[in-house]
């Protein structure tokens, strides 16, 4: 079964759900998850600068991350496994400022999201997973930042019951020590 690219806008400006080209046959499948030409013909400018992959165990939360300066628009796809992916709008002039949207990104489904600059991004790993990030800006460690995954102001409804509860969460020290949303606003006022 062949599927062509599909692009679906969301409530957050610039955040797009993408169904990539996928062809299945008796061997398995062939997936094209980015085409500069196809994206541009659909009005999406995305200049690929770097590609990253993360391998994560079930229960890992990687959230909620962004670059304060030289923001990284990114095309995110779970290429193996299943993650609950979250995007939070941190642009103070946006009508959806502070709004979050969650997506089930599933390797066998091949779905992906295009995350615009000015948004925080993270995910909860529901099955051992490999996630691909195709970034339109390179990574700068000195601008790397984030907000705590369980910040009460943003109030993301993470499906932690699907990993066996809060006791099963796996957090890096980096993510345990992130700032609150209010601290972020006091320091920076948002992402511009």
Protein backbone atom coordinates (compact mmCIF):
# COMPACT_ATOMS: atom_id res chain seq x y z
CA UNK A 1 0.00 0.00 0.00
CA UNK A 2 1.41 3.38 -0.99
CA UNK A 3 0.76 6.56 0.97
CA UNK A 4 1.69 10.00 -0.27
CA UNK A 5 2.81 12.90 1.89
CA UNK A 6 0.02 14.58 3.84
CA UNK A 7 0.33 17.76 5.90
CA UNK A 8 -2.20 18.63 8.60
CA UNK A 9 -2.11 21.92 10.47
CA UNK A 10 -2.76 21.91 14.22
CA UNK A 11 -4.07 24.55 16.62
CA UNK A 12 -0.48 25.73 17.23
CA UNK A 13 0.75 27.94 14.36
CA UNK A 14 3.53 26.17 12.43
CA UNK A 15 3.08 22.81 14.19
CA UNK A 16 2.21 20.33 11.46
CA UNK A 17 1.35 16.64 11.58
CA UNK A 18 3.03 14.92 8.65
CA UNK A 19 2.25 11.59 7.06
CA UNK A 20 5.33 10.75 4.99
CA UNK A 21 5.53 8.81 1.74
CA UNK A 22 5.41 5.10 2.56
CA UNK A 23 5.30 2.05 0.30
CA UNK A 24 4.68 -1.45 1.71
CA UNK A 25 5.29 -4.71 -0.10
CA UNK A 26 6.27 -8.30 0.70
CA UNK A 27 9.79 -7.18 1.72
CA UNK A 28 8.60 -4.63 4.30
CA UNK A 29 8.38 -0.93 3.57
CA UNK A 30 10.16 2.06 2.08
CA UNK A 31 9.61 5.42 3.82
CA UNK A 32 10.61 8.90 2.66
CA UNK A 33 10.04 11.21 5.63
CA UNK A 34 11.50 14.40 4.15
CA UNK A 35 11.61 15.92 0.69
CA UNK A 36 12.63 19.56 0.36
CA UNK A 37 10.73 19.76 -2.93
CA UNK A 38 7.50 18.25 -1.54
CA UNK A 39 7.61 20.36 1.62
CA UNK A 40 8.19 23.57 -0.37
CA UNK A 41 5.40 22.73 -2.83
CA UNK A 42 3.13 22.58 0.26
CA UNK A 43 4.32 25.99 1.49
CA UNK A 44 6.71 24.64 4.14
CA UNK A 45 10.23 26.03 4.19
CA UNK A 46 12.56 23.71 6.10
CA UNK A 47 16.31 23.85 5.64
CA UNK A 48 17.82 20.66 7.01
CA UNK A 49 21.00 21.39 9.02
CA UNK A 50 21.54 18.36 11.30
CA UNK A 51 20.03 14.95 12.04
CA UNK A 52 20.02 13.29 15.48
CA UNK A 53 18.74 9.96 16.79
CA UNK A 54 17.89 9.03 20.37
CA UNK A 55 17.52 5.50 21.64
CA UNK A 56 15.41 5.34 24.81
CA UNK A 57 14.03 2.74 27.18
CA UNK A 58 10.36 2.49 28.09
CA UNK A 59 9.62 5.01 30.83
CA UNK A 60 12.12 7.67 29.77
CA UNK A 61 10.91 11.27 29.66
CA UNK A 62 12.92 13.69 27.56
CA UNK A 63 11.24 17.03 28.19
CA UNK A 64 10.57 19.88 27.74
CA UNK A 65 13.52 21.13 25.69
CA UNK A 66 14.31 24.11 23.44
CA UNK A 67 17.14 26.42 22.39
CA UNK A 68 16.77 29.93 23.80
CA UNK A 69 18.70 31.43 20.88
CA UNK A 70 19.06 30.03 17.34
CA UNK A 71 15.95 27.95 17.85
CA UNK A 72 15.74 24.54 16.21
CA UNK A 73 12.66 23.87 14.11
CA UNK A 74 12.61 20.09 13.84
CA UNK A 75 10.93 17.23 12.05
CA UNK A 76 10.44 14.49 14.66
CA UNK A 77 9.60 10.85 13.93
CA UNK A 78 9.65 7.71 16.04
CA UNK A 79 11.29 5.27 13.65
CA UNK A 80 11.01 2.31 16.04
CA UNK A 81 8.70 1.88 19.02
CA UNK A 82 6.14 4.32 20.41
CA UNK A 83 6.45 7.70 22.15
CA UNK A 84 3.93 10.22 23.42
CA UNK A 85 5.30 13.44 21.98
CA UNK A 86 4.45 16.88 23.38
CA UNK A 87 4.90 20.37 21.93
CA UNK A 88 4.37 23.54 24.01
CA UNK A 89 4.04 26.98 22.42
CA UNK A 90 6.43 29.38 24.22
CA UNK A 91 5.99 32.36 21.87
CA UNK A 92 4.47 35.17 24.00
CA UNK A 93 2.85 36.86 20.99
CA UNK A 94 1.14 33.65 19.85
CA UNK A 95 -2.60 33.14 20.35
CA UNK A 96 -1.75 29.64 21.64
CA UNK A 97 0.99 30.75 24.06
CA UNK A 98 1.42 28.14 26.83
CA UNK A 99 -0.82 25.63 24.99
CA UNK A 100 0.44 22.08 24.59
CA UNK A 101 -0.53 19.36 22.13
CA UNK A 102 0.34 15.66 22.44
CA UNK A 103 0.84 13.12 19.65
CA UNK A 104 1.33 9.37 19.57
CA UNK A 105 4.34 8.86 17.31
CA UNK A 106 4.55 5.18 16.39
CA UNK A 107 7.30 3.51 14.38
CA UNK A 108 4.96 1.21 12.45
CA UNK A 109 2.66 4.14 11.64
CA UNK A 110 5.56 6.29 10.23
CA UNK A 111 3.88 9.51 11.38
CA UNK A 112 5.88 12.60 12.29
CA UNK A 113 5.51 16.21 13.41
CA UNK A 114 7.14 19.43 12.27
CA UNK A 115 7.89 21.48 15.40
CA UNK A 116 8.35 25.22 14.77
CA UNK A 117 10.93 27.40 16.49
CA UNK A 118 9.57 29.02 19.64
CA UNK A 119 8.16 25.77 21.00
CA UNK A 120 9.37 23.37 23.68
CA UNK A 121 9.42 19.70 22.78
CA UNK A 122 9.61 16.42 24.66
CA UNK A 123 8.27 12.92 24.87
CA UNK A 124 7.47 9.98 27.13
CA UNK A 125 8.72 6.64 25.83
CA UNK A 126 5.87 4.10 25.90
CA UNK A 127 7.95 1.29 24.32
CA UNK A 128 11.71 1.04 23.78
CA UNK A 129 12.16 3.51 20.93
CA UNK A 130 14.42 5.21 18.44
CA UNK A 131 13.47 8.80 17.56
CA UNK A 132 14.81 10.83 14.65
CA UNK A 133 15.20 14.62 14.79
CA UNK A 134 15.82 16.42 11.51
CA UNK A 135 16.77 19.95 12.58
CA UNK A 136 16.73 23.20 10.61
CA UNK A 137 19.35 24.72 12.96
CA UNK A 138 22.40 23.12 14.50
CA UNK A 139 22.58 22.29 18.19
CA UNK A 140 24.22 24.87 20.45
CA UNK A 141 24.92 23.51 23.94
CA UNK A 142 25.26 27.00 25.40
CA UNK A 143 21.64 27.81 24.41
CA UNK A 144 20.17 24.44 25.38
CA UNK A 145 17.38 24.88 27.93
CA UNK A 146 14.10 23.48 29.13
CA UNK A 147 11.14 23.46 31.48
CA UNK A 148 10.29 20.64 33.90
CA UNK A 149 8.18 17.91 32.35
CA UNK A 150 5.60 18.09 35.17
CA UNK A 151 5.35 21.86 35.47
CA UNK A 152 1.91 22.64 37.00
CA UNK A 153 1.37 25.80 34.93
CA UNK A 154 1.77 24.00 31.60
CA UNK A 155 0.09 20.92 33.09
CA UNK A 156 0.81 18.33 30.39
CA UNK A 157 -1.37 15.25 30.79
CA UNK A 158 1.37 12.63 30.30
CA UNK A 159 0.01 9.06 29.97
CA UNK A 160 2.32 7.69 32.69
CA UNK A 161 -0.22 4.97 33.49
CA UNK A 162 0.89 3.33 30.21
CA UNK A 163 4.39 2.74 31.67
CA UNK A 164 3.18 1.49 35.05
CA UNK A 165 3.00 4.81 36.93
CA UNK A 166 5.26 7.60 38.15
CA UNK A 167 7.63 5.17 39.93
CA UNK A 168 8.64 3.76 36.54
CA UNK A 169 9.77 7.13 35.09
CA UNK A 170 13.39 7.45 34.01
CA UNK A 171 14.76 11.00 34.08
CA UNK A 172 18.28 12.24 33.40
CA UNK A 173 19.73 14.62 35.99
CA UNK A 174 19.52 17.33 33.33
CA UNK A 175 15.74 16.92 33.15
CA UNK A 176 15.29 16.63 36.92
CA UNK A 177 16.90 20.06 37.33
CA UNK A 178 15.08 22.07 34.67
CA UNK A 179 13.36 25.34 35.57
CA UNK A 180 9.65 25.92 36.08
CA UNK A 181 7.55 27.73 33.50
CA UNK A 182 7.30 30.77 35.82
CA UNK A 183 11.10 30.88 36.26
CA UNK A 184 11.50 30.70 32.48
CA UNK A 185 9.05 33.60 31.97
CA UNK A 186 10.74 35.72 34.65
CA UNK A 187 14.16 35.17 33.02
CA UNK A 188 13.31 35.35 29.33
CA UNK A 189 9.67 36.37 28.82
CA UNK A 190 9.24 33.59 26.25
CA UNK A 191 10.91 32.54 23.00
CA UNK A 192 10.99 35.10 20.22
